[in-house]
Amino acid sequence: VSTAMLRRVEELQRLADSIAEHHPYWPALHFTLQL
C-alpha cells in the first residue's frame, strides 16, 4: 500500500509542479505534498 500511495503522491507532485507557482494556493499544496 505504501508503494501505491507514494506513486500517487509523486503524480500529484508532478501535476502541482506544472501549475503556476504564483497561484495563492500553490505554497500550501506544495508543502502539503512534501509532508
Full PDB file with SEQRES, HELIX, SHEET, SSBOND, CRYST1, ORIGX, SCALE, CONECT and MASTER records, all heavy atoms in Angstrom:
SEQRES   1 A   35  VAL SER THR ALA MET LEU ARG ARG VAL GLU GLU LEU GLN          
SEQRES   2 A   35  ARG LEU ALA ASP SER ILE ALA GLU HIS HIS PRO TYR TRP          
SEQRES   3 A   35  PRO ALA LEU HIS PHE THR LEU GLN LEU                          
HELIX    1 AA1 SER A    2  ASP A   17  1                                  16    
HELIX    2 AA2 TRP A   26  GLN A   34  1                                   9    
CRYST1    1.000    1.000    1.000  90.00  90.00  90.00 P 1           1          
ORIGX1      1.000000  0.000000  0.000000        0.00000                         
ORIGX2      0.000000  1.000000  0.000000        0.00000                         
ORIGX3      0.000000  0.000000  1.000000        0.00000                         
SCALE1      1.000000  0.000000  0.000000        0.00000                         
SCALE2      0.000000  1.000000  0.000000        0.00000                         
SCALE3      0.000000  0.000000  1.000000        0.00000                         
ATOM      1  N   VAL A   1       0.824  -1.203   0.000  1.00  0.00           N  
ATOM      2  CA  VAL A   1       0.000   0.000   0.000  1.00  0.00           C  
ATOM      3  C   VAL A   1       0.860   1.256   0.000  1.00  0.00           C  
ATOM      4  O   VAL A   1       0.550   2.238  -0.679  1.00  0.00           O  
ATOM      5  CB  VAL A   1      -0.956  -0.003   1.211  1.00  0.00           C  
ATOM      6  CG1 VAL A   1      -1.690   1.317   1.344  1.00  0.00           C  
ATOM      7  CG2 VAL A   1      -1.939  -1.144   1.105  1.00  0.00           C  
ATOM      8  N   SER A   2       1.975   1.257   0.733  1.00  0.00           N  
ATOM      9  CA  SER A   2       2.814   2.444   0.782  1.00  0.00           C  
ATOM     10  C   SER A   2       3.430   2.756  -0.582  1.00  0.00           C  
ATOM     11  O   SER A   2       3.593   3.923  -0.942  1.00  0.00           O  
ATOM     12  CB  SER A   2       3.911   2.302   1.842  1.00  0.00           C  
ATOM     13  OG  SER A   2       4.776   1.233   1.540  1.00  0.00           O  
ATOM     14  N   THR A   3       3.732   1.730  -1.352  1.00  0.00           N  
ATOM     15  CA  THR A   3       4.248   1.940  -2.710  1.00  0.00           C  
ATOM     16  C   THR A   3       3.190   2.603  -3.582  1.00  0.00           C  
ATOM     17  O   THR A   3       3.485   3.530  -4.336  1.00  0.00           O  
ATOM     18  CB  THR A   3       4.692   0.601  -3.332  1.00  0.00           C  
ATOM     19  OG1 THR A   3       5.676   0.009  -2.489  1.00  0.00           O  
ATOM     20  CG2 THR A   3       5.235   0.788  -4.725  1.00  0.00           C  
ATOM     21  N   ALA A   4       1.958   2.132  -3.465  1.00  0.00           N  
ATOM     22  CA  ALA A   4       0.859   2.721  -4.231  1.00  0.00           C  
ATOM     23  C   ALA A   4       0.626   4.168  -3.805  1.00  0.00           C  
ATOM     24  O   ALA A   4       0.431   5.047  -4.652  1.00  0.00           O  
ATOM     25  CB  ALA A   4      -0.414   1.902  -4.040  1.00  0.00           C  
ATOM     26  N   MET A   5       0.675   4.432  -2.502  1.00  0.00           N  
ATOM     27  CA  MET A   5       0.475   5.797  -2.019  1.00  0.00           C  
ATOM     28  C   MET A   5       1.592   6.708  -2.509  1.00  0.00           C  
ATOM     29  O   MET A   5       1.331   7.836  -2.946  1.00  0.00           O  
ATOM     30  CB  MET A   5       0.413   5.827  -0.487  1.00  0.00           C  
ATOM     31  CG  MET A   5      -0.863   5.236   0.071  1.00  0.00           C  
ATOM     32  SD  MET A   5      -1.060   5.509   1.857  1.00  0.00           S  
ATOM     33  CE  MET A   5       0.333   4.620   2.536  1.00  0.00           C  
ATOM     34  N   LEU A   6       2.827   6.228  -2.459  1.00  0.00           N  
ATOM     35  CA  LEU A   6       3.956   7.040  -2.905  1.00  0.00           C  
ATOM     36  C   LEU A   6       3.838   7.366  -4.389  1.00  0.00           C  
ATOM     37  O   LEU A   6       4.086   8.496  -4.808  1.00  0.00           O  
ATOM     38  CB  LEU A   6       5.282   6.333  -2.620  1.00  0.00           C  
ATOM     39  CG  LEU A   6       6.546   7.121  -2.947  1.00  0.00           C  
ATOM     40  CD1 LEU A   6       6.578   8.455  -2.214  1.00  0.00           C  
ATOM     41  CD2 LEU A   6       7.776   6.299  -2.620  1.00  0.00           C  
ATOM     42  N   ARG A   7       3.429   6.402  -5.174  1.00  0.00           N  
ATOM     43  CA  ARG A   7       3.248   6.646  -6.607  1.00  0.00           C  
ATOM     44  C   ARG A   7       2.211   7.749  -6.842  1.00  0.00           C  
ATOM     45  O   ARG A   7       2.393   8.616  -7.686  1.00  0.00           O  
ATOM     46  CB  ARG A   7       2.836   5.342  -7.302  1.00  0.00           C  
ATOM     47  CG  ARG A   7       2.700   5.515  -8.807  1.00  0.00           C  
ATOM     48  CD  ARG A   7       2.624   4.197  -9.544  1.00  0.00           C  
ATOM     49  NE  ARG A   7       3.955   3.596  -9.525  1.00  0.00           N  
ATOM     50  CZ  ARG A   7       4.208   2.332  -9.157  1.00  0.00           C  
ATOM     51  NH1 ARG A   7       3.231   1.547  -8.797  1.00  0.00           N  
ATOM     52  NH2 ARG A   7       5.442   1.865  -9.155  1.00  0.00           N  
ATOM     53  N   ARG A   8       1.114   7.723  -6.091  1.00  0.00           N  
ATOM     54  CA  ARG A   8       0.070   8.739  -6.255  1.00  0.00           C  
ATOM     55  C   ARG A   8       0.567  10.117  -5.810  1.00  0.00           C  
ATOM     56  O   ARG A   8       0.268  11.132  -6.446  1.00  0.00           O  
ATOM     57  CB  ARG A   8      -1.194   8.380  -5.473  1.00  0.00           C  
ATOM     58  CG  ARG A   8      -1.917   7.099  -5.876  1.00  0.00           C  
ATOM     59  CD  ARG A   8      -1.905   6.812  -7.361  1.00  0.00           C  
ATOM     60  NE  ARG A   8      -2.556   5.578  -7.728  1.00  0.00           N  
ATOM     61  CZ  ARG A   8      -1.969   4.378  -7.813  1.00  0.00           C  
ATOM     62  NH1 ARG A   8      -0.702   4.228  -7.515  1.00  0.00           N  
ATOM     63  NH2 ARG A   8      -2.637   3.320  -8.201  1.00  0.00           N  
ATOM     64  N   VAL A   9       1.322  10.147  -4.708  1.00  0.00           N  
ATOM     65  CA  VAL A   9       1.872  11.419  -4.242  1.00  0.00           C  
ATOM     66  C   VAL A   9       2.810  11.993  -5.298  1.00  0.00           C  
ATOM     67  O   VAL A   9       2.778  13.196  -5.583  1.00  0.00           O  
ATOM     68  CB  VAL A   9       2.597  11.248  -2.888  1.00  0.00           C  
ATOM     69  CG1 VAL A   9       3.367  12.501  -2.514  1.00  0.00           C  
ATOM     70  CG2 VAL A   9       1.609  10.890  -1.787  1.00  0.00           C  
ATOM     71  N   GLU A  10       3.642  11.148  -5.895  1.00  0.00           N  
ATOM     72  CA  GLU A  10       4.557  11.611  -6.945  1.00  0.00           C  
ATOM     73  C   GLU A  10       3.792  12.160  -8.139  1.00  0.00           C  
ATOM     74  O   GLU A  10       4.189  13.166  -8.732  1.00  0.00           O  
ATOM     75  CB  GLU A  10       5.482  10.471  -7.372  1.00  0.00           C  
ATOM     76  CG  GLU A  10       6.504  10.119  -6.317  1.00  0.00           C  
ATOM     77  CD  GLU A  10       7.276   8.845  -6.607  1.00  0.00           C  
ATOM     78  OE1 GLU A  10       6.859   8.071  -7.506  1.00  0.00           O  
ATOM     79  OE2 GLU A  10       8.292   8.612  -5.929  1.00  0.00           O  
ATOM     80  N   GLU A  11       2.683  11.512  -8.494  1.00  0.00           N  
ATOM     81  CA  GLU A  11       1.851  12.011  -9.593  1.00  0.00           C  
ATOM     82  C   GLU A  11       1.295  13.397  -9.256  1.00  0.00           C  
ATOM     83  O   GLU A  11       1.305  14.301 -10.095  1.00  0.00           O  
ATOM     84  CB  GLU A  11       0.693  11.050  -9.868  1.00  0.00           C  
ATOM     85  CG  GLU A  11       1.099   9.742 -10.502  1.00  0.00           C  
ATOM     86  CD  GLU A  11      -0.052   8.737 -10.580  1.00  0.00           C  
ATOM     87  OE1 GLU A  11      -1.219   9.117 -10.328  1.00  0.00           O  
ATOM     88  OE2 GLU A  11       0.226   7.566 -10.880  1.00  0.00           O  
ATOM     89  N   LEU A  12       0.813  13.540  -8.033  1.00  0.00           N  
ATOM     90  CA  LEU A  12       0.280  14.830  -7.606  1.00  0.00           C  
ATOM     91  C   LEU A  12       1.367  15.899  -7.584  1.00  0.00           C  
ATOM     92  O   LEU A  12       1.125  17.052  -7.970  1.00  0.00           O  
ATOM     93  CB  LEU A  12      -0.366  14.712  -6.229  1.00  0.00           C  
ATOM     94  CG  LEU A  12      -1.698  13.979  -6.186  1.00  0.00           C  
ATOM     95  CD1 LEU A  12      -2.113  13.716  -4.748  1.00  0.00           C  
ATOM     96  CD2 LEU A  12      -2.760  14.772  -6.922  1.00  0.00           C  
ATOM     97  N   GLN A  13       2.574  15.528  -7.153  1.00  0.00           N  
ATOM     98  CA  GLN A  13       3.677  16.496  -7.143  1.00  0.00           C  
ATOM     99  C   GLN A  13       4.024  16.962  -8.548  1.00  0.00           C  
ATOM    100  O   GLN A  13       4.253  18.153  -8.765  1.00  0.00           O  
ATOM    101  CB  GLN A  13       4.908  15.891  -6.473  1.00  0.00           C  
ATOM    102  CG  GLN A  13       4.818  15.883  -4.964  1.00  0.00           C  
ATOM    103  CD  GLN A  13       6.076  15.351  -4.332  1.00  0.00           C  
ATOM    104  OE1 GLN A  13       6.585  14.296  -4.704  1.00  0.00           O  
ATOM    105  NE2 GLN A  13       6.585  16.085  -3.359  1.00  0.00           N  
ATOM    106  N   ARG A  14       4.067  16.033  -9.497  1.00  0.00           N  
ATOM    107  CA  ARG A  14       4.354  16.427 -10.882  1.00  0.00           C  
ATOM    108  C   ARG A  14       3.278  17.374 -11.406  1.00  0.00           C  
ATOM    109  O   ARG A  14       3.579  18.371 -12.071  1.00  0.00           O  
ATOM    110  CB  ARG A  14       4.474  15.193 -11.779  1.00  0.00           C  
ATOM    111  CG  ARG A  14       5.808  14.486 -11.670  1.00  0.00           C  
ATOM    112  CD  ARG A  14       5.993  13.464 -12.760  1.00  0.00           C  
ATOM    113  NE  ARG A  14       5.007  12.396 -12.729  1.00  0.00           N  
ATOM    114  CZ  ARG A  14       5.102  11.285 -11.984  1.00  0.00           C  
ATOM    115  NH1 ARG A  14       6.144  11.106 -11.208  1.00  0.00           N  
ATOM    116  NH2 ARG A  14       4.169  10.371 -12.022  1.00  0.00           N  
ATOM    117  N   LEU A  15       2.040  17.065 -11.111  1.00  0.00           N  
ATOM    118  CA  LEU A  15       0.944  17.928 -11.553  1.00  0.00           C  
ATOM    119  C   LEU A  15       1.039  19.302 -10.893  1.00  0.00           C  
ATOM    120  O   LEU A  15       0.923  20.333 -11.566  1.00  0.00           O  
ATOM    121  CB  LEU A  15      -0.400  17.273 -11.235  1.00  0.00           C  
ATOM    122  CG  LEU A  15      -1.644  18.047 -11.647  1.00  0.00           C  
ATOM    123  CD1 LEU A  15      -1.661  18.287 -13.148  1.00  0.00           C  
ATOM    124  CD2 LEU A  15      -2.888  17.295 -11.206  1.00  0.00           C  
ATOM    125  N   ALA A  16       1.282  19.328  -9.598  1.00  0.00           N  
ATOM    126  CA  ALA A  16       1.388  20.601  -8.882  1.00  0.00           C  
ATOM    127  C   ALA A  16       2.565  21.421  -9.388  1.00  0.00           C  
ATOM    128  O   ALA A  16       2.472  22.643  -9.497  1.00  0.00           O  
ATOM    129  CB  ALA A  16       1.525  20.349  -7.379  1.00  0.00           C  
ATOM    130  N   ASP A  17       3.666  20.760  -9.707  1.00  0.00           N  
ATOM    131  CA  ASP A  17       4.843  21.473 -10.205  1.00  0.00           C  
ATOM    132  C   ASP A  17       4.624  22.047 -11.604  1.00  0.00           C  
ATOM    133  O   ASP A  17       5.362  22.934 -12.024  1.00  0.00           O  
ATOM    134  CB  ASP A  17       6.064  20.560 -10.212  1.00  0.00           C  
ATOM    135  CG  ASP A  17       6.566  20.252  -8.816  1.00  0.00           C  
ATOM    136  OD1 ASP A  17       6.166  20.961  -7.866  1.00  0.00           O  
ATOM    137  OD2 ASP A  17       7.347  19.294  -8.663  1.00  0.00           O  
ATOM    138  N   SER A  18       3.620  21.539 -12.301  1.00  0.00           N  
ATOM    139  CA  SER A  18       3.361  22.020 -13.656  1.00  0.00           C  
ATOM    140  C   SER A  18       2.418  23.233 -13.678  1.00  0.00           C  
ATOM    141  O   SER A  18       2.230  23.835 -14.725  1.00  0.00           O  
ATOM    142  CB  SER A  18       2.769  20.896 -14.520  1.00  0.00           C  
ATOM    143  OG  SER A  18       1.439  20.606 -14.122  1.00  0.00           O  
ATOM    144  N   ILE A  19       1.849  23.571 -12.534  1.00  0.00           N  
ATOM    145  CA  ILE A  19       0.953  24.729 -12.496  1.00  0.00           C  
ATOM    146  C   ILE A  19       1.727  25.964 -12.068  1.00  0.00           C  
ATOM    147  O   ILE A  19       2.850  25.872 -11.594  1.00  0.00           O  
ATOM    148  CB  ILE A  19      -0.269  24.490 -11.567  1.00  0.00           C  
ATOM    149  CG1 ILE A  19       0.182  24.298 -10.121  1.00  0.00           C  
ATOM    150  CG2 ILE A  19      -1.085  23.315 -12.050  1.00  0.00           C  
ATOM    151  CD1 ILE A  19      -0.963  24.230  -9.134  1.00  0.00           C  
ATOM    152  N   ALA A  20       1.116  27.079 -12.215  1.00  0.00           N  
ATOM    153  CA  ALA A  20       1.783  28.347 -11.919  1.00  0.00           C  
ATOM    154  C   ALA A  20       2.083  28.479 -10.427  1.00  0.00           C  
ATOM    155  O   ALA A  20       1.190  28.364  -9.597  1.00  0.00           O  
ATOM    156  CB  ALA A  20       0.899  29.501 -12.379  1.00  0.00           C  
ATOM    157  N   GLU A  21       3.352  28.745 -10.129  1.00  0.00           N  
ATOM    158  CA  GLU A  21       3.761  28.893  -8.744  1.00  0.00           C  
ATOM    159  C   GLU A  21       3.239  30.192  -8.125  1.00  0.00           C  
ATOM    160  O   GLU A  21       3.295  30.350  -6.911  1.00  0.00           O  
ATOM    161  CB  GLU A  21       5.283  28.846  -8.638  1.00  0.00           C  
ATOM    162  CG  GLU A  21       5.845  27.489  -8.956  1.00  0.00           C  
ATOM    163  CD  GLU A  21       7.365  27.435  -8.820  1.00  0.00           C  
ATOM    164  OE1 GLU A  21       7.941  28.359  -8.227  1.00  0.00           O  
ATOM    165  OE2 GLU A  21       7.939  26.468  -9.320  1.00  0.00           O  
ATOM    166  N   HIS A  22       2.743  31.088  -8.928  1.00  0.00           N  
ATOM    167  CA  HIS A  22       2.229  32.344  -8.385  1.00  0.00           C  
ATOM    168  C   HIS A  22       0.793  32.220  -7.889  1.00  0.00           C  
ATOM    169  O   HIS A  22       0.257  33.157  -7.321  1.00  0.00           O  
ATOM    170  CB  HIS A  22       2.340  33.466  -9.420  1.00  0.00           C  
ATOM    171  CG  HIS A  22       1.499  33.248 -10.626  1.00  0.00           C  
ATOM    172  ND1 HIS A  22       1.967  32.545 -11.717  1.00  0.00           N  
ATOM    173  CD2 HIS A  22       0.232  33.617 -10.916  1.00  0.00           C  
ATOM    174  CE1 HIS A  22       1.007  32.502 -12.628  1.00  0.00           C  
ATOM    175  NE2 HIS A  22      -0.048  33.132 -12.172  1.00  0.00           N  
ATOM    176  N   HIS A  23       0.161  31.064  -8.091  1.00  0.00           N  
ATOM    177  CA  HIS A  23      -1.204  30.875  -7.600  1.00  0.00           C  
ATOM    178  C   HIS A  23      -1.179  30.934  -6.073  1.00  0.00           C  
ATOM    179  O   HIS A  23      -0.291  30.370  -5.440  1.00  0.00           O  
ATOM    180  CB  HIS A  23      -1.751  29.521  -8.078  1.00  0.00           C  
ATOM    181  CG  HIS A  23      -3.215  29.373  -7.830  1.00  0.00           C  
ATOM    182  ND1 HIS A  23      -3.716  29.078  -6.582  1.00  0.00           N  
ATOM    183  CD2 HIS A  23      -4.276  29.484  -8.648  1.00  0.00           C  
ATOM    184  CE1 HIS A  23      -5.032  29.015  -6.641  1.00  0.00           C  
ATOM    185  NE2 HIS A  23      -5.397  29.266  -7.904  1.00  0.00           N  
ATOM    186  N   PRO A  24      -2.133  31.607  -5.453  1.00  0.00           N  
ATOM    187  CA  PRO A  24      -2.096  31.780  -3.993  1.00  0.00           C  
ATOM    188  C   PRO A  24      -2.184  30.477  -3.193  1.00  0.00           C  
ATOM    189  O   PRO A  24      -1.757  30.436  -2.043  1.00  0.00           O  
ATOM    190  CB  PRO A  24      -3.298  32.685  -3.697  1.00  0.00           C  
ATOM    191  CG  PRO A  24      -4.167  32.617  -4.905  1.00  0.00           C  
ATOM    192  CD  PRO A  24      -3.279  32.280  -6.067  1.00  0.00           C  
ATOM    193  N   TYR A  25      -2.707  29.427  -3.782  1.00  0.00           N  
ATOM    194  CA  TYR A  25      -2.811  28.150  -3.058  1.00  0.00           C  
ATOM    195  C   TYR A  25      -1.588  27.258  -3.271  1.00  0.00           C  
ATOM    196  O   TYR A  25      -1.433  26.242  -2.606  1.00  0.00           O  
ATOM    197  CB  TYR A  25      -4.048  27.365  -3.492  1.00  0.00           C  
ATOM    198  CG  TYR A  25      -5.363  28.062  -3.277  1.00  0.00           C  
ATOM    199  CD1 TYR A  25      -6.501  27.611  -3.915  1.00  0.00           C  
ATOM    200  CD2 TYR A  25      -5.481  29.178  -2.449  1.00  0.00           C  
ATOM    201  CE1 TYR A  25      -7.723  28.236  -3.728  1.00  0.00           C  
ATOM    202  CE2 TYR A  25      -6.695  29.812  -2.269  1.00  0.00           C  
ATOM    203  CZ  TYR A  25      -7.816  29.327  -2.902  1.00  0.00           C  
ATOM    204  OH  TYR A  25      -9.021  29.942  -2.723  1.00  0.00           O  
ATOM    205  N   TRP A  26      -0.747  27.611  -4.219  1.00  0.00           N  
ATOM    206  CA  TRP A  26       0.366  26.745  -4.571  1.00  0.00           C  
ATOM    207  C   TRP A  26       1.294  26.420  -3.400  1.00  0.00           C  
ATOM    208  O   TRP A  26       1.642  25.262  -3.205  1.00  0.00           O  
ATOM    209  CB  TRP A  26       1.165  27.317  -5.750  1.00  0.00           C  
ATOM    210  CG  TRP A  26       2.205  26.365  -6.235  1.00  0.00           C  
ATOM    211  CD1 TRP A  26       2.029  25.377  -7.158  1.00  0.00           C  
ATOM    212  CD2 TRP A  26       3.561  26.262  -5.804  1.00  0.00           C  
ATOM    213  NE1 TRP A  26       3.194  24.669  -7.336  1.00  0.00           N  
ATOM    214  CE2 TRP A  26       4.153  25.194  -6.499  1.00  0.00           C  
ATOM    215  CE3 TRP A  26       4.333  26.958  -4.889  1.00  0.00           C  
ATOM    216  CZ2 TRP A  26       5.479  24.820  -6.319  1.00  0.00           C  
ATOM    217  CZ3 TRP A  26       5.659  26.582  -4.717  1.00  0.00           C  
ATOM    218  CH2 TRP A  26       6.211  25.526  -5.428  1.00  0.00           C  
ATOM    219  N   PRO A  27       1.718  27.385  -2.588  1.00  0.00           N  
ATOM    220  CA  PRO A  27       2.608  27.036  -1.474  1.00  0.00           C  
ATOM    221  C   PRO A  27       1.979  26.033  -0.508  1.00  0.00           C  
ATOM    222  O   PRO A  27       2.647  25.093  -0.064  1.00  0.00           O  
ATOM    223  CB  PRO A  27       2.878  28.378  -0.786  1.00  0.00           C  
ATOM    224  CG  PRO A  27       2.670  29.393  -1.857  1.00  0.00           C  
ATOM    225  CD  PRO A  27       1.545  28.840  -2.692  1.00  0.00           C  
ATOM    226  N   ALA A  28       0.708  26.192  -0.199  1.00  0.00           N  
ATOM    227  CA  ALA A  28       0.042  25.243   0.700  1.00  0.00           C  
ATOM    228  C   ALA A  28       0.015  23.852   0.075  1.00  0.00           C  
ATOM    229  O   ALA A  28       0.284  22.845   0.749  1.00  0.00           O  
ATOM    230  CB  ALA A  28      -1.375  25.716   1.023  1.00  0.00           C  
ATOM    231  N   LEU A  29      -0.276  23.775  -1.200  1.00  0.00           N  
ATOM    232  CA  LEU A  29      -0.284  22.496  -1.902  1.00  0.00           C  
ATOM    233  C   LEU A  29       1.109  21.881  -1.927  1.00  0.00           C  
ATOM    234  O   LEU A  29       1.294  20.698  -1.627  1.00  0.00           O  
ATOM    235  CB  LEU A  29      -0.810  22.693  -3.324  1.00  0.00           C  
ATOM    236  CG  LEU A  29      -0.823  21.456  -4.234  1.00  0.00           C  
ATOM    237  CD1 LEU A  29      -1.739  20.384  -3.665  1.00  0.00           C  
ATOM    238  CD2 LEU A  29      -1.239  21.850  -5.633  1.00  0.00           C  
ATOM    239  N   HIS A  30       2.099  22.686  -2.253  1.00  0.00           N  
ATOM    240  CA  HIS A  30       3.479  22.212  -2.351  1.00  0.00           C  
ATOM    241  C   HIS A  30       3.966  21.622  -1.030  1.00  0.00           C  
ATOM    242  O   HIS A  30       4.477  20.498  -0.991  1.00  0.00           O  
ATOM    243  CB  HIS A  30       4.377  23.373  -2.788  1.00  0.00           C  
ATOM    244  CG  HIS A  30       5.824  23.053  -2.753  1.00  0.00           C  
ATOM    245  ND1 HIS A  30       6.431  22.258  -3.702  1.00  0.00           N  
ATOM    246  CD2 HIS A  30       6.788  23.392  -1.869  1.00  0.00           C  
ATOM    247  CE1 HIS A  30       7.715  22.131  -3.401  1.00  0.00           C  
ATOM    248  NE2 HIS A  30       7.954  22.815  -2.300  1.00  0.00           N  
ATOM    249  N   PHE A  31       3.813  22.360   0.052  1.00  0.00           N  
ATOM    250  CA  PHE A  31       4.311  21.876   1.343  1.00  0.00           C  
ATOM    251  C   PHE A  31       3.482  20.721   1.888  1.00  0.00           C  
ATOM    252  O   PHE A  31       4.017  19.825   2.548  1.00  0.00           O  
ATOM    253  CB  PHE A  31       4.394  23.026   2.347  1.00  0.00           C  
ATOM    254  CG  PHE A  31       5.491  23.999   2.020  1.00  0.00           C  
ATOM    255  CD1 PHE A  31       5.196  25.311   1.704  1.00  0.00           C  
ATOM    256  CD2 PHE A  31       6.818  23.605   2.005  1.00  0.00           C  
ATOM    257  CE1 PHE A  31       6.206  26.214   1.394  1.00  0.00           C  
ATOM    258  CE2 PHE A  31       7.840  24.490   1.690  1.00  0.00           C  
ATOM    259  CZ  PHE A  31       7.528  25.796   1.384  1.00  0.00           C  
ATOM    260  N   THR A  32       2.195  20.695   1.583  1.00  0.00           N  
ATOM    261  CA  THR A  32       1.359  19.560   1.991  1.00  0.00           C  
ATOM    262  C   THR A  32       1.828  18.281   1.297  1.00  0.00           C  
ATOM    263  O   THR A  32       1.947  17.223   1.936  1.00  0.00           O  
ATOM    264  CB  THR A  32      -0.121  19.828   1.665  1.00  0.00           C  
ATOM    265  OG1 THR A  32      -0.552  20.979   2.393  1.00  0.00           O  
ATOM    266  CG2 THR A  32      -0.998  18.641   2.018  1.00  0.00           C  
ATOM    267  N   LEU A  33       2.103  18.377   0.010  1.00  0.00           N  
ATOM    268  CA  LEU A  33       2.579  17.204  -0.723  1.00  0.00           C  
ATOM    269  C   LEU A  33       3.965  16.766  -0.255  1.00  0.00           C  
ATOM    270  O   LEU A  33       4.251  15.564  -0.190  1.00  0.00           O  
ATOM    271  CB  LEU A  33       2.568  17.473  -2.225  1.00  0.00           C  
ATOM    272  CG  LEU A  33       1.177  17.557  -2.858  1.00  0.00           C  
ATOM    273  CD1 LEU A  33       1.269  18.047  -4.292  1.00  0.00           C  
ATOM    274  CD2 LEU A  33       0.475  16.210  -2.789  1.00  0.00           C  
ATOM    275  N   GLN A  34       4.825  17.727   0.094  1.00  0.00           N  
ATOM    276  CA  GLN A  34       6.139  17.378   0.630  1.00  0.00           C  
ATOM    277  C   GLN A  34       5.991  16.622   1.945  1.00  0.00           C  
ATOM    278  O   GLN A  34       6.671  15.615   2.174  1.00  0.00           O  
ATOM    279  CB  GLN A  34       6.973  18.651   0.851  1.00  0.00           C  
ATOM    280  CG  GLN A  34       7.415  19.327  -0.416  1.00  0.00           C  
ATOM    281  CD  GLN A  34       8.491  18.534  -1.138  1.00  0.00           C  
ATOM    282  OE1 GLN A  34       9.390  17.998  -0.529  1.00  0.00           O  
ATOM    283  NE2 GLN A  34       8.379  18.465  -2.447  1.00  0.00           N  
ATOM    284  N   LEU A  35       5.112  17.099   2.806  1.00  0.00           N  
ATOM    285  CA  LEU A  35       4.857  16.441   4.086  1.00  0.00           C  
ATOM    286  C   LEU A  35       4.287  15.045   3.876  1.00  0.00           C  
ATOM    287  O   LEU A  35       4.749  14.071   4.483  1.00  0.00           O  
ATOM    288  CB  LEU A  35       3.904  17.294   4.926  1.00  0.00           C  
ATOM    289  CG  LEU A  35       3.495  16.745   6.287  1.00  0.00           C  
ATOM    290  CD1 LEU A  35       4.697  16.596   7.207  1.00  0.00           C  
ATOM    291  CD2 LEU A  35       2.454  17.658   6.916  1.00  0.00           C  
TER     292      LEU A  35                                                      
MASTER        0    0    0    2    0    0    0    6  291    1    0    3          
END                                                                             
